[in-house]
Each structure stands twice: as structure tokens, then as C-alpha cells.
């Protein structure tokens, strides 16, 4: 890939943005805000995070995705937060992971899909 491709290619910038979008959640206020927002959108008893104590670890800077750690099990949950109370147990969209490594592999797979979809050759 040459420099002009990097500067003028939206798919490349999308991939780069995907790689750096996750930022740690450090501030106590932000953690509380994300916990409250999760409680405000999980409305089904059948959702895996219903009434679950969680700790927000990472937040996507370009979407409403948050990586939470479930306090009781240590399991990780990547959640696409919504703006309303969801009564359907498939929402908010949630993917569970046993380890941080599994989550990182999931994110890497997303990046590889974007590369393939944009037909970007490394």
C-alpha cells in the first residue's frame, strides 16, 4: 500500500479507526453513567445482563459499544447500548466472552472482515 492509498482511501481509514476505537473507562463518573445506561436498556429477565452487576472496562469512541466485565463470573460482555428499555431478550445486542483474549480475537476478526470487504491488500 502506498502513501496516496493511505491518505485517500476511506476503507483504510475505517479499518484504522476500528483498530483504535476502544478506550479504557477509567473515570468513576463515566463507569457509573455506563452502568446506569445498561440498566436503562436491559428490560428482559432473559437477557444475560439483567440485574447483573458489571464493571465497564472499555468504550468504543465511534459507537455505543461497551465492554463490561460481569462482577459475579468475570465473564466479559460486549454490548451495543440502546437509548430505550428493551423487552426483547436479544437487545441490547450482547456478545459474551470468557477471556479478554477471546474478545480481542473477535475484534481482530472484525478488522480482517473489513479489510477483505474493502479488498485491501496488506
PDB file of N, CA and C in Angstrom:
ATOM      1  N   UNK A   1       0.861  -1.165   0.000  1.00  0.00           N
ATOM      2  CA  UNK A   1       0.000   0.000   0.000  1.00  0.00           C
ATOM      3  C   UNK A   1       0.904   1.223   0.000  1.00  0.00           C
ATOM      4  N   UNK A   2       0.637   2.156  -0.938  1.00  0.00           N
ATOM      5  CA  UNK A   2       1.467   3.362  -0.971  1.00  0.00           C
ATOM      6  C   UNK A   2       0.797   4.488  -0.194  1.00  0.00           C
ATOM      7  N   UNK A   3       1.533   5.605  -0.028  1.00  0.00           N
ATOM      8  CA  UNK A   3       1.038   6.700   0.806  1.00  0.00           C
ATOM      9  C   UNK A   3      -0.239   7.320   0.259  1.00  0.00           C
ATOM     10  N   UNK A   4      -0.372   7.412  -1.064  1.00  0.00           N
ATOM     11  CA  UNK A   4      -1.592   8.016  -1.621  1.00  0.00           C
ATOM     12  C   UNK A   4      -2.809   7.146  -1.342  1.00  0.00           C
ATOM     13  N   UNK A   5      -2.630   5.822  -1.332  1.00  0.00           N
ATOM     14  CA  UNK A   5      -3.744   4.945  -0.978  1.00  0.00           C
ATOM     15  C   UNK A   5      -4.161   5.177   0.466  1.00  0.00           C
ATOM     16  N   UNK A   6      -3.200   5.337   1.354  1.00  0.00           N
ATOM     17  CA  UNK A   6      -3.497   5.534   2.761  1.00  0.00           C
ATOM     18  C   UNK A   6      -4.217   6.851   2.990  1.00  0.00           C
ATOM     19  N   UNK A   7      -3.812   7.900   2.320  1.00  0.00           N
ATOM     20  CA  UNK A   7      -4.399   9.217   2.530  1.00  0.00           C
ATOM     21  C   UNK A   7      -5.754   9.389   1.869  1.00  0.00           C
ATOM     22  N   UNK A   8      -6.020   8.654   0.812  1.00  0.00           N
ATOM     23  CA  UNK A   8      -7.230   8.903   0.031  1.00  0.00           C
ATOM     24  C   UNK A   8      -8.239   7.760   0.057  1.00  0.00           C
ATOM     25  N   UNK A   9      -8.051   6.794   0.913  1.00  0.00           N
ATOM     26  CA  UNK A   9      -8.917   5.622   0.890  1.00  0.00           C
ATOM     27  C   UNK A   9      -9.771   5.553   2.149  1.00  0.00           C
ATOM     28  N   UNK A  10     -11.064   5.780   1.999  1.00  0.00           N
ATOM     29  CA  UNK A  10     -11.961   5.693   3.143  1.00  0.00           C
ATOM     30  C   UNK A  10     -11.967   4.318   3.794  1.00  0.00           C
ATOM     31  N   UNK A  11     -11.942   3.206   3.039  1.00  0.00           N
ATOM     32  CA  UNK A  11     -11.918   1.893   3.697  1.00  0.00           C
ATOM     33  C   UNK A  11     -10.697   1.709   4.596  1.00  0.00           C
ATOM     34  N   UNK A  12      -9.567   2.218   4.179  1.00  0.00           N
ATOM     35  CA  UNK A  12      -8.367   2.105   5.003  1.00  0.00           C
ATOM     36  C   UNK A  12      -8.556   2.873   6.301  1.00  0.00           C
ATOM     37  N   UNK A  13      -9.071   4.076   6.211  1.00  0.00           N
ATOM     38  CA  UNK A  13      -9.298   4.872   7.408  1.00  0.00           C
ATOM     39  C   UNK A  13     -10.333   4.215   8.313  1.00  0.00           C
ATOM     40  N   UNK A  14     -11.311   3.548   7.734  1.00  0.00           N
ATOM     41  CA  UNK A  14     -12.312   2.836   8.537  1.00  0.00           C
ATOM     42  C   UNK A  14     -11.648   1.714   9.333  1.00  0.00           C
ATOM     43  N   UNK A  15     -10.744   0.977   8.696  1.00  0.00           N
ATOM     44  CA  UNK A  15     -10.034  -0.103   9.378  1.00  0.00           C
ATOM     45  C   UNK A  15      -9.163   0.460  10.492  1.00  0.00           C
ATOM     46  N   UNK A  16      -8.430   1.531  10.207  1.00  0.00           N
ATOM     47  CA  UNK A  16      -7.584   2.152  11.226  1.00  0.00           C
ATOM     48  C   UNK A  16      -8.443   2.647  12.386  1.00  0.00           C
ATOM     49  N   UNK A  17      -9.570   3.258  12.078  1.00  0.00           N
ATOM     50  CA  UNK A  17     -10.485   3.722  13.125  1.00  0.00           C
ATOM     51  C   UNK A  17     -11.001   2.584  13.971  1.00  0.00           C
ATOM     52  N   UNK A  18     -11.257   1.443  13.338  1.00  0.00           N
ATOM     53  CA  UNK A  18     -11.744   0.284  14.080  1.00  0.00           C
ATOM     54  C   UNK A  18     -10.683  -0.229  15.045  1.00  0.00           C
ATOM     55  N   UNK A  19      -9.439  -0.152  14.635  1.00  0.00           N
ATOM     56  CA  UNK A  19      -8.347  -0.637  15.473  1.00  0.00           C
ATOM     57  C   UNK A  19      -8.141   0.206  16.729  1.00  0.00           C
ATOM     58  N   UNK A  20      -8.359   1.503  16.631  1.00  0.00           N
ATOM     59  CA  UNK A  20      -8.046   2.389  17.755  1.00  0.00           C
ATOM     60  C   UNK A  20      -9.290   2.917  18.464  1.00  0.00           C
ATOM     61  N   UNK A  21     -10.432   2.388  18.155  1.00  0.00           N
ATOM     62  CA  UNK A  21     -11.669   2.955  18.695  1.00  0.00           C
ATOM     63  C   UNK A  21     -11.912   2.655  20.162  1.00  0.00           C
ATOM     64  N   UNK A  22     -11.335   1.600  20.695  1.00  0.00           N
ATOM     65  CA  UNK A  22     -11.596   1.200  22.076  1.00  0.00           C
ATOM     66  C   UNK A  22     -10.691   1.963  23.023  1.00  0.00           C
ATOM     67  N   UNK A  23     -11.316   2.607  24.001  1.00  0.00           N
ATOM     68  CA  UNK A  23     -10.595   3.380  25.001  1.00  0.00           C
ATOM     69  C   UNK A  23     -10.981   2.875  26.390  1.00  0.00           C
ATOM     70  N   UNK A  24     -10.033   2.834  27.321  1.00  0.00           N
ATOM     71  CA  UNK A  24     -10.368   2.359  28.671  1.00  0.00           C
ATOM     72  C   UNK A  24     -11.328   3.313  29.382  1.00  0.00           C
ATOM     73  N   UNK A  25     -12.207   2.733  30.186  1.00  0.00           N
ATOM     74  CA  UNK A  25     -13.114   3.520  31.024  1.00  0.00           C
ATOM     75  C   UNK A  25     -12.453   3.602  32.394  1.00  0.00           C
ATOM     76  N   UNK A  26     -12.000   4.786  32.755  1.00  0.00           N
ATOM     77  CA  UNK A  26     -11.240   4.955  33.988  1.00  0.00           C
ATOM     78  C   UNK A  26     -12.003   5.788  35.023  1.00  0.00           C
ATOM     79  N   UNK A  27     -12.594   6.872  34.568  1.00  0.00           N
ATOM     80  CA  UNK A  27     -13.260   7.798  35.494  1.00  0.00           C
ATOM     81  C   UNK A  27     -14.478   7.140  36.152  1.00  0.00           C
ATOM     82  N   UNK A  28     -14.581   7.313  37.460  1.00  0.00           N
ATOM     83  CA  UNK A  28     -15.687   6.744  38.232  1.00  0.00           C
ATOM     84  C   UNK A  28     -17.037   7.223  37.705  1.00  0.00           C
ATOM     85  N   UNK A  29     -17.133   8.497  37.361  1.00  0.00           N
ATOM     86  CA  UNK A  29     -18.393   9.053  36.853  1.00  0.00           C
ATOM     87  C   UNK A  29     -18.813   8.383  35.547  1.00  0.00           C
ATOM     88  N   UNK A  30     -17.841   8.158  34.664  1.00  0.00           N
ATOM     89  CA  UNK A  30     -18.153   7.509  33.393  1.00  0.00           C
ATOM     90  C   UNK A  30     -18.576   6.059  33.621  1.00  0.00           C
ATOM     91  N   UNK A  31     -17.910   5.370  34.545  1.00  0.00           N
ATOM     92  CA  UNK A  31     -18.294   3.993  34.867  1.00  0.00           C
ATOM     93  C   UNK A  31     -19.744   3.935  35.357  1.00  0.00           C
ATOM     94  N   UNK A  32     -20.086   4.845  36.264  1.00  0.00           N
ATOM     95  CA  UNK A  32     -21.453   4.878  36.788  1.00  0.00           C
ATOM     96  C   UNK A  32     -22.458   5.209  35.696  1.00  0.00           C
ATOM     97  N   UNK A  33     -22.114   6.134  34.827  1.00  0.00           N
ATOM     98  CA  UNK A  33     -23.003   6.508  33.730  1.00  0.00           C
ATOM     99  C   UNK A  33     -23.262   5.309  32.814  1.00  0.00           C
ATOM    100  N   UNK A  34     -22.225   4.553  32.481  1.00  0.00           N
ATOM    101  CA  UNK A  34     -22.390   3.392  31.602  1.00  0.00           C
ATOM    102  C   UNK A  34     -23.162   2.275  32.292  1.00  0.00           C
ATOM    103  N   UNK A  35     -22.943   2.078  33.589  1.00  0.00           N
ATOM    104  CA  UNK A  35     -23.716   1.077  34.338  1.00  0.00           C
ATOM    105  C   UNK A  35     -25.197   1.451  34.351  1.00  0.00           C
ATOM    106  N   UNK A  36     -25.493   2.714  34.582  1.00  0.00           N
ATOM    107  CA  UNK A  36     -26.883   3.178  34.593  1.00  0.00           C
ATOM    108  C   UNK A  36     -27.512   3.064  33.214  1.00  0.00           C
ATOM    109  N   UNK A  37     -26.748   3.377  32.197  1.00  0.00           N
ATOM    110  CA  UNK A  37     -27.279   3.280  30.833  1.00  0.00           C
ATOM    111  C   UNK A  37     -27.597   1.822  30.484  1.00  0.00           C
ATOM    112  N   UNK A  38     -26.732   0.906  30.914  1.00  0.00           N
ATOM    113  CA  UNK A  38     -27.005  -0.509  30.671  1.00  0.00           C
ATOM    114  C   UNK A  38     -28.284  -0.933  31.382  1.00  0.00           C
ATOM    115  N   UNK A  39     -28.423  -0.556  32.651  1.00  0.00           N
ATOM    116  CA  UNK A  39     -29.648  -0.891  33.399  1.00  0.00           C
ATOM    117  C   UNK A  39     -30.885  -0.306  32.717  1.00  0.00           C
ATOM    118  N   UNK A  40     -30.728   0.843  32.094  1.00  0.00           N
ATOM    119  CA  UNK A  40     -31.850   1.501  31.442  1.00  0.00           C
ATOM    120  C   UNK A  40     -32.265   0.889  30.124  1.00  0.00           C
ATOM    121  N   UNK A  41     -31.445  -0.017  29.585  1.00  0.00           N
ATOM    122  CA  UNK A  41     -31.845  -0.622  28.310  1.00  0.00           C
ATOM    123  C   UNK A  41     -32.065  -2.135  28.391  1.00  0.00           C
ATOM    124  N   UNK A  42     -31.659  -2.787  29.470  1.00  0.00           N
ATOM    125  CA  UNK A  42     -31.902  -4.233  29.624  1.00  0.00           C
ATOM    126  C   UNK A  42     -33.203  -4.412  30.391  1.00  0.00           C
ATOM    127  N   UNK A  43     -34.259  -4.801  29.676  1.00  0.00           N
ATOM    128  CA  UNK A  43     -35.570  -4.913  30.298  1.00  0.00           C
ATOM    129  C   UNK A  43     -36.124  -6.319  30.372  1.00  0.00           C
ATOM    130  N   UNK A  44     -35.419  -7.286  29.800  1.00  0.00           N
ATOM    131  CA  UNK A  44     -35.921  -8.656  29.800  1.00  0.00           C
ATOM    132  C   UNK A  44     -35.171  -9.495  30.830  1.00  0.00           C
ATOM    133  N   UNK A  45     -35.904 -10.254  31.626  1.00  0.00           N
ATOM    134  CA  UNK A  45     -35.300 -11.158  32.596  1.00  0.00           C
ATOM    135  C   UNK A  45     -34.454 -12.229  31.912  1.00  0.00           C
ATOM    136  N   UNK A  46     -34.688 -12.447  30.624  1.00  0.00           N
ATOM    137  CA  UNK A  46     -33.952 -13.476  29.879  1.00  0.00           C
ATOM    138  C   UNK A  46     -32.661 -12.955  29.255  1.00  0.00           C
ATOM    139  N   UNK A  47     -32.393 -11.671  29.397  1.00  0.00           N
ATOM    140  CA  UNK A  47     -31.137 -11.123  28.883  1.00  0.00           C
ATOM    141  C   UNK A  47     -30.019 -11.496  29.851  1.00  0.00           C
ATOM    142  N   UNK A  48     -28.829 -11.882  29.343  1.00  0.00           N
ATOM    143  CA  UNK A  48     -27.755 -12.333  30.239  1.00  0.00           C
ATOM    144  C   UNK A  48     -27.269 -11.269  31.233  1.00  0.00           C
ATOM    145  N   UNK A  49     -27.555  -9.995  30.984  1.00  0.00           N
ATOM    146  CA  UNK A  49     -27.091  -8.943  31.886  1.00  0.00           C
ATOM    147  C   UNK A  49     -28.216  -8.345  32.738  1.00  0.00           C
ATOM    148  N   UNK A  50     -29.391  -8.960  32.714  1.00  0.00           N
ATOM    149  CA  UNK A  50     -30.500  -8.466  33.524  1.00  0.00           C
ATOM    150  C   UNK A  50     -30.127  -8.566  35.000  1.00  0.00           C
ATOM    151  N   UNK A  51     -30.222  -7.450  35.716  1.00  0.00           N
ATOM    152  CA  UNK A  51     -29.890  -7.372  37.147  1.00  0.00           C
ATOM    153  C   UNK A  51     -28.470  -7.857  37.465  1.00  0.00           C
ATOM    154  N   UNK A  52     -27.569  -7.718  36.518  1.00  0.00           N
ATOM    155  CA  UNK A  52     -26.193  -8.174  36.707  1.00  0.00           C
ATOM    156  C   UNK A  52     -25.302  -6.978  37.052  1.00  0.00           C
ATOM    157  N   UNK A  53     -24.501  -7.124  38.094  1.00  0.00           N
ATOM    158  CA  UNK A  53     -23.529  -6.089  38.431  1.00  0.00           C
ATOM    159  C   UNK A  53     -22.373  -6.194  37.446  1.00  0.00           C
ATOM    160  N   UNK A  54     -22.015  -5.064  36.855  1.00  0.00           N
ATOM    161  CA  UNK A  54     -20.967  -5.053  35.837  1.00  0.00           C
ATOM    162  C   UNK A  54     -19.975  -3.923  36.090  1.00  0.00           C
ATOM    163  N   UNK A  55     -18.804  -4.097  35.521  1.00  0.00           N
ATOM    164  CA  UNK A  55     -17.767  -3.079  35.560  1.00  0.00           C
ATOM    165  C   UNK A  55     -17.404  -2.745  34.111  1.00  0.00           C
ATOM    166  N   UNK A  56     -17.653  -1.512  33.649  1.00  0.00           N
ATOM    167  CA  UNK A  56     -17.266  -1.143  32.284  1.00  0.00           C
ATOM    168  C   UNK A  56     -15.747  -1.042  32.172  1.00  0.00           C
ATOM    169  N   UNK A  57     -15.178  -1.757  31.205  1.00  0.00           N
ATOM    170  CA  UNK A  57     -13.733  -1.770  31.026  1.00  0.00           C
ATOM    171  C   UNK A  57     -13.276  -0.878  29.871  1.00  0.00           C
ATOM    172  N   UNK A  58     -13.942  -1.027  28.724  1.00  0.00           N
ATOM    173  CA  UNK A  58     -13.582  -0.278  27.517  1.00  0.00           C
ATOM    174  C   UNK A  58     -14.838   0.243  26.852  1.00  0.00           C
ATOM    175  N   UNK A  59     -14.673   1.363  26.173  1.00  0.00           N
ATOM    176  CA  UNK A  59     -15.786   2.002  25.463  1.00  0.00           C
ATOM    177  C   UNK A  59     -15.326   2.345  24.058  1.00  0.00           C
ATOM    178  N   UNK A  60     -16.197   2.075  23.102  1.00  0.00           N
ATOM    179  CA  UNK A  60     -15.902   2.447  21.721  1.00  0.00           C
ATOM    180  C   UNK A  60     -16.107   3.946  21.547  1.00  0.00           C
ATOM    181  N   UNK A  61     -15.176   4.573  20.881  1.00  0.00           N
ATOM    182  CA  UNK A  61     -15.266   6.016  20.663  1.00  0.00           C
ATOM    183  C   UNK A  61     -16.135   6.375  19.465  1.00  0.00           C
ATOM    184  N   UNK A  62     -16.475   5.402  18.616  1.00  0.00           N
ATOM    185  CA  UNK A  62     -17.264   5.728  17.429  1.00  0.00           C
ATOM    186  C   UNK A  62     -18.579   4.951  17.345  1.00  0.00           C
ATOM    187  N   UNK A  63     -19.000   4.369  18.475  1.00  0.00           N
ATOM    188  CA  UNK A  63     -20.305   3.697  18.502  1.00  0.00           C
ATOM    189  C   UNK A  63     -20.752   3.606  19.957  1.00  0.00           C
ATOM    190  N   UNK A  64     -21.877   2.971  20.171  1.00  0.00           N
ATOM    191  CA  UNK A  64     -22.400   2.796  21.525  1.00  0.00           C
ATOM    192  C   UNK A  64     -22.011   1.439  22.099  1.00  0.00           C
ATOM    193  N   UNK A  65     -20.862   0.914  21.699  1.00  0.00           N
ATOM    194  CA  UNK A  65     -20.393  -0.376  22.196  1.00  0.00           C
ATOM    195  C   UNK A  65     -19.553  -0.186  23.449  1.00  0.00           C
ATOM    196  N   UNK A  66     -19.794  -1.066  24.422  1.00  0.00           N
ATOM    197  CA  UNK A  66     -19.044  -1.042  25.683  1.00  0.00           C
ATOM    198  C   UNK A  66     -18.680  -2.478  26.030  1.00  0.00           C
ATOM    199  N   UNK A  67     -17.456  -2.666  26.530  1.00  0.00           N
ATOM    200  CA  UNK A  67     -17.054  -3.967  27.043  1.00  0.00           C
ATOM    201  C   UNK A  67     -17.184  -3.928  28.556  1.00  0.00           C
ATOM    202  N   UNK A  68     -18.090  -4.748  29.072  1.00  0.00           N
ATOM    203  CA  UNK A  68     -18.327  -4.852  30.506  1.00  0.00           C
ATOM    204  C   UNK A  68     -17.746  -6.156  31.022  1.00  0.00           C
ATOM    205  N   UNK A  69     -17.345  -6.160  32.290  1.00  0.00           N
ATOM    206  CA  UNK A  69     -16.994  -7.402  32.966  1.00  0.00           C
ATOM    207  C   UNK A  69     -18.084  -7.683  33.991  1.00  0.00           C
ATOM    208  N   UNK A  70     -18.617  -8.900  33.956  1.00  0.00           N
ATOM    209  CA  UNK A  70     -19.648  -9.300  34.898  1.00  0.00           C
ATOM    210  C   UNK A  70     -18.972  -9.590  36.237  1.00  0.00           C
ATOM    211  N   UNK A  71     -19.402  -8.896  37.280  1.00  0.00           N
ATOM    212  CA  UNK A  71     -18.744  -8.988  38.586  1.00  0.00           C
ATOM    213  C   UNK A  71     -18.829 -10.388  39.185  1.00  0.00           C
ATOM    214  N   UNK A  72     -19.935 -11.087  38.975  1.00  0.00           N
ATOM    215  CA  UNK A  72     -20.120 -12.397  39.608  1.00  0.00           C
ATOM    216  C   UNK A  72     -19.257 -13.484  38.975  1.00  0.00           C
ATOM    217  N   UNK A  73     -19.097 -13.449  37.655  1.00  0.00           N
ATOM    218  CA  UNK A  73     -18.402 -14.540  36.968  1.00  0.00           C
ATOM    219  C   UNK A  73     -17.064 -14.134  36.359  1.00  0.00           C
ATOM    220  N   UNK A  74     -16.856 -12.857  36.181  1.00  0.00           N
ATOM    221  CA  UNK A  74     -15.651 -12.397  35.499  1.00  0.00           C
ATOM    222  C   UNK A  74     -15.770 -12.442  33.989  1.00  0.00           C
ATOM    223  N   UNK A  75     -16.879 -12.976  33.504  1.00  0.00           N
ATOM    224  CA  UNK A  75     -17.112 -13.065  32.065  1.00  0.00           C
ATOM    225  C   UNK A  75     -17.220 -11.656  31.476  1.00  0.00           C
ATOM    226  N   UNK A  76     -16.857 -11.509  30.200  1.00  0.00           N
ATOM    227  CA  UNK A  76     -16.924 -10.226  29.512  1.00  0.00           C
ATOM    228  C   UNK A  76     -18.131 -10.181  28.597  1.00  0.00           C
ATOM    229  N   UNK A  77     -18.695  -8.987  28.448  1.00  0.00           N
ATOM    230  CA  UNK A  77     -19.856  -8.793  27.577  1.00  0.00           C
ATOM    231  C   UNK A  77     -19.641  -7.539  26.748  1.00  0.00           C
ATOM    232  N   UNK A  78     -19.630  -7.716  25.430  1.00  0.00           N
ATOM    233  CA  UNK A  78     -19.575  -6.573  24.510  1.00  0.00           C
ATOM    234  C   UNK A  78     -21.017  -6.223  24.191  1.00  0.00           C
ATOM    235  N   UNK A  79     -21.426  -5.019  24.582  1.00  0.00           N
ATOM    236  CA  UNK A  79     -22.830  -4.622  24.487  1.00  0.00           C
ATOM    237  C   UNK A  79     -22.961  -3.395  23.604  1.00  0.00           C
ATOM    238  N   UNK A  80     -23.936  -3.450  22.685  1.00  0.00           N
ATOM    239  CA  UNK A  80     -24.296  -2.267  21.910  1.00  0.00           C
ATOM    240  C   UNK A  80     -25.477  -1.614  22.631  1.00  0.00           C
ATOM    241  N   UNK A  81     -25.167  -0.576  23.406  1.00  0.00           N
ATOM    242  CA  UNK A  81     -26.199   0.075  24.209  1.00  0.00           C
ATOM    243  C   UNK A  81     -27.238   0.759  23.326  1.00  0.00           C
ATOM    244  N   UNK A  82     -28.478   0.734  23.805  1.00  0.00           N
ATOM    245  CA  UNK A  82     -29.571   1.400  23.101  1.00  0.00           C
ATOM    246  C   UNK A  82     -30.031   2.591  23.934  1.00  0.00           C
ATOM    247  N   UNK A  83     -30.982   3.318  23.405  1.00  0.00           N
ATOM    248  CA  UNK A  83     -31.473   4.518  24.095  1.00  0.00           C
ATOM    249  C   UNK A  83     -32.823   4.295  24.755  1.00  0.00           C
ATOM    250  N   UNK A  84     -33.282   3.041  24.762  1.00  0.00           N
ATOM    251  CA  UNK A  84     -34.598   2.766  25.342  1.00  0.00           C
ATOM    252  C   UNK A  84     -34.572   1.438  26.081  1.00  0.00           C
ATOM    253  N   UNK A  85     -35.565   1.213  26.925  1.00  0.00           N
ATOM    254  CA  UNK A  85     -35.707  -0.047  27.624  1.00  0.00           C
ATOM    255  C   UNK A  85     -36.128  -1.120  26.627  1.00  0.00           C
ATOM    256  N   UNK A  86     -35.353  -2.173  26.534  1.00  0.00           N
ATOM    257  CA  UNK A  86     -35.615  -3.257  25.578  1.00  0.00           C
ATOM    258  C   UNK A  86     -36.255  -4.433  26.309  1.00  0.00           C
ATOM    259  N   UNK A  87     -37.401  -4.879  25.831  1.00  0.00           N
ATOM    260  CA  UNK A  87     -38.069  -6.018  26.454  1.00  0.00           C
ATOM    261  C   UNK A  87     -37.797  -7.322  25.709  1.00  0.00           C
ATOM    262  N   UNK A  88     -37.265  -7.228  24.502  1.00  0.00           N
ATOM    263  CA  UNK A  88     -36.867  -8.412  23.749  1.00  0.00           C
ATOM    264  C   UNK A  88     -35.484  -8.829  24.250  1.00  0.00           C
ATOM    265  N   UNK A  89     -35.310 -10.098  24.672  1.00  0.00           N
ATOM    266  CA  UNK A  89     -34.041 -10.515  25.272  1.00  0.00           C
ATOM    267  C   UNK A  89     -32.835 -10.483  24.336  1.00  0.00           C
ATOM    268  N   UNK A  90     -33.037 -10.313  23.035  1.00  0.00           N
ATOM    269  CA  UNK A  90     -31.878 -10.232  22.145  1.00  0.00           C
ATOM    270  C   UNK A  90     -31.290  -8.821  22.108  1.00  0.00           C
ATOM    271  N   UNK A  91     -31.992  -7.873  22.740  1.00  0.00           N
ATOM    272  CA  UNK A  91     -31.495  -6.489  22.804  1.00  0.00           C
ATOM    273  C   UNK A  91     -31.298  -6.068  24.249  1.00  0.00           C
ATOM    274  N   UNK A  92     -30.337  -5.254  24.552  1.00  0.00           N
ATOM    275  CA  UNK A  92     -29.332  -4.765  23.620  1.00  0.00           C
ATOM    276  C   UNK A  92     -28.429  -5.908  23.150  1.00  0.00           C
ATOM    277  N   UNK A  93     -27.976  -5.784  21.905  1.00  0.00           N
ATOM    278  CA  UNK A  93     -27.118  -6.790  21.298  1.00  0.00           C
ATOM    279  C   UNK A  93     -25.902  -7.018  22.192  1.00  0.00           C
ATOM    280  N   UNK A  94     -25.680  -8.277  22.565  1.00  0.00           N
ATOM    281  CA  UNK A  94     -24.625  -8.613  23.516  1.00  0.00           C
ATOM    282  C   UNK A  94     -23.891  -9.859  23.051  1.00  0.00           C
ATOM    283  N   UNK A  95     -22.562  -9.802  23.103  1.00  0.00           N
ATOM    284  CA  UNK A  95     -21.724 -10.961  22.798  1.00  0.00           C
ATOM    285  C   UNK A  95     -20.898 -11.240  24.050  1.00  0.00           C
ATOM    286  N   UNK A  96     -20.938 -12.492  24.516  1.00  0.00           N
ATOM    287  CA  UNK A  96     -20.224 -12.874  25.731  1.00  0.00           C
ATOM    288  C   UNK A  96     -18.883 -13.533  25.395  1.00  0.00           C
ATOM    289  N   UNK A  97     -17.895 -13.262  26.249  1.00  0.00           N
ATOM    290  CA  UNK A  97     -16.553 -13.817  26.087  1.00  0.00           C
ATOM    291  C   UNK A  97     -16.058 -14.318  27.437  1.00  0.00           C
ATOM    292  N   UNK A  98     -15.307 -15.401  27.411  1.00  0.00           N
ATOM    293  CA  UNK A  98     -14.744 -15.936  28.637  1.00  0.00           C
ATOM    294  C   UNK A  98     -13.477 -15.232  29.066  1.00  0.00           C
ATOM    295  N   UNK A  99     -12.743 -14.702  28.081  1.00  0.00           N
ATOM    296  CA  UNK A  99     -11.466 -14.061  28.385  1.00  0.00           C
ATOM    297  C   UNK A  99     -11.280 -12.805  27.541  1.00  0.00           C
ATOM    298  N   UNK A 100     -10.371 -11.973  27.985  1.00  0.00           N
ATOM    299  CA  UNK A 100     -10.010 -10.784  27.217  1.00  0.00           C
ATOM    300  C   UNK A 100      -9.410 -11.187  25.872  1.00  0.00           C
ATOM    301  N   UNK A 101      -8.665 -12.259  25.852  1.00  0.00           N
ATOM    302  CA  UNK A 101      -8.073 -12.752  24.602  1.00  0.00           C
ATOM    303  C   UNK A 101      -9.165 -13.099  23.581  1.00  0.00           C
ATOM    304  N   UNK A 102     -10.257 -13.736  24.025  1.00  0.00           N
ATOM    305  CA  UNK A 102     -11.367 -14.068  23.114  1.00  0.00           C
ATOM    306  C   UNK A 102     -11.987 -12.801  22.534  1.00  0.00           C
ATOM    307  N   UNK A 103     -12.160 -11.785  23.383  1.00  0.00           N
ATOM    308  CA  UNK A 103     -12.722 -10.528  22.895  1.00  0.00           C
ATOM    309  C   UNK A 103     -11.793  -9.882  21.876  1.00  0.00           C
ATOM    310  N   UNK A 104     -10.496  -9.850  22.175  1.00  0.00           N
ATOM    311  CA  UNK A 104      -9.530  -9.257  21.245  1.00  0.00           C
ATOM    312  C   UNK A 104      -9.528  -9.991  19.912  1.00  0.00           C
ATOM    313  N   UNK A 105      -9.660 -11.315  19.942  1.00  0.00           N
ATOM    314  CA  UNK A 105      -9.726 -12.084  18.698  1.00  0.00           C
ATOM    315  C   UNK A 105     -10.981 -11.723  17.911  1.00  0.00           C
ATOM    316  N   UNK A 106     -12.090 -11.544  18.605  1.00  0.00           N
ATOM    317  CA  UNK A 106     -13.344 -11.129  17.970  1.00  0.00           C
ATOM    318  C   UNK A 106     -13.158  -9.783  17.264  1.00  0.00           C
ATOM    319  N   UNK A 107     -12.520  -8.843  17.949  1.00  0.00           N
ATOM    320  CA  UNK A 107     -12.280  -7.525  17.357  1.00  0.00           C
ATOM    321  C   UNK A 107     -11.335  -7.624  16.168  1.00  0.00           C
ATOM    322  N   UNK A 108     -10.316  -8.444  16.273  1.00  0.00           N
ATOM    323  CA  UNK A 108      -9.381  -8.638  15.169  1.00  0.00           C
ATOM    324  C   UNK A 108     -10.094  -9.255  13.967  1.00  0.00           C
ATOM    325  N   UNK A 109     -10.975 -10.212  14.221  1.00  0.00           N
ATOM    326  CA  UNK A 109     -11.749 -10.816  13.130  1.00  0.00           C
ATOM    327  C   UNK A 109     -12.594  -9.759  12.415  1.00  0.00           C
ATOM    328  N   UNK A 110     -13.179  -8.819  13.190  1.00  0.00           N
ATOM    329  CA  UNK A 110     -13.937  -7.719  12.585  1.00  0.00           C
ATOM    330  C   UNK A 110     -13.057  -6.887  11.662  1.00  0.00           C
ATOM    331  N   UNK A 111     -11.848  -6.588  12.117  1.00  0.00           N
ATOM    332  CA  UNK A 111     -10.914  -5.797  11.307  1.00  0.00           C
ATOM    333  C   UNK A 111     -10.554  -6.556  10.033  1.00  0.00           C
ATOM    334  N   UNK A 112     -10.289  -7.852  10.153  1.00  0.00           N
ATOM    335  CA  UNK A 112      -9.942  -8.645   8.973  1.00  0.00           C
ATOM    336  C   UNK A 112     -11.104  -8.692   7.987  1.00  0.00           C
ATOM    337  N   UNK A 113     -12.328  -8.772   8.494  1.00  0.00           N
ATOM    338  CA  UNK A 113     -13.501  -8.745   7.623  1.00  0.00           C
ATOM    339  C   UNK A 113     -13.573  -7.416   6.870  1.00  0.00           C
ATOM    340  N   UNK A 114     -13.329  -6.315   7.575  1.00  0.00           N
ATOM    341  CA  UNK A 114     -13.332  -5.002   6.921  1.00  0.00           C
ATOM    342  C   UNK A 114     -12.271  -4.929   5.832  1.00  0.00           C
ATOM    343  N   UNK A 115     -11.097  -5.476   6.103  1.00  0.00           N
ATOM    344  CA  UNK A 115     -10.026  -5.486   5.106  1.00  0.00           C
ATOM    345  C   UNK A 115     -10.442  -6.277   3.878  1.00  0.00           C
ATOM    346  N   UNK A 116     -10.998  -7.449   4.105  1.00  0.00           N
ATOM    347  CA  UNK A 116     -11.433  -8.298   2.984  1.00  0.00           C
ATOM    348  C   UNK A 116     -12.558  -7.631   2.211  1.00  0.00           C
ATOM    349  N   UNK A 117     -13.513  -7.062   2.930  1.00  0.00           N
ATOM    350  CA  UNK A 117     -14.662  -6.414   2.296  1.00  0.00           C
ATOM    351  C   UNK A 117     -14.212  -5.239   1.432  1.00  0.00           C
ATOM    352  N   UNK A 118     -13.205  -4.516   1.869  1.00  0.00           N
ATOM    353  CA  UNK A 118     -12.697  -3.370   1.118  1.00  0.00           C
ATOM    354  C   UNK A 118     -11.654  -3.765   0.098  1.00  0.00           C
ATOM    355  N   UNK A 119     -11.340  -5.071   0.061  1.00  0.00           N
ATOM    356  CA  UNK A 119     -10.333  -5.607  -0.849  1.00  0.00           C
ATOM    357  C   UNK A 119      -8.995  -4.896  -0.691  1.00  0.00           C
ATOM    358  N   UNK A 120      -8.620  -4.670   0.560  1.00  0.00           N
ATOM    359  CA  UNK A 120      -7.354  -4.025   0.861  1.00  0.00           C
ATOM    360  C   UNK A 120      -6.300  -5.117   0.986  1.00  0.00           C
ATOM    361  N   UNK A 121      -5.223  -4.950   0.265  1.00  0.00           N
ATOM    362  CA  UNK A 121      -4.111  -5.898   0.308  1.00  0.00           C
ATOM    363  C   UNK A 121      -3.027  -5.359   1.221  1.00  0.00           C
ATOM    364  N   UNK A 122      -2.618  -6.178   2.177  1.00  0.00           N
ATOM    365  CA  UNK A 122      -1.532  -5.756   3.071  1.00  0.00           C
ATOM    366  C   UNK A 122      -0.200  -6.188   2.510  1.00  0.00           C
TER     367      UNK A 122
END
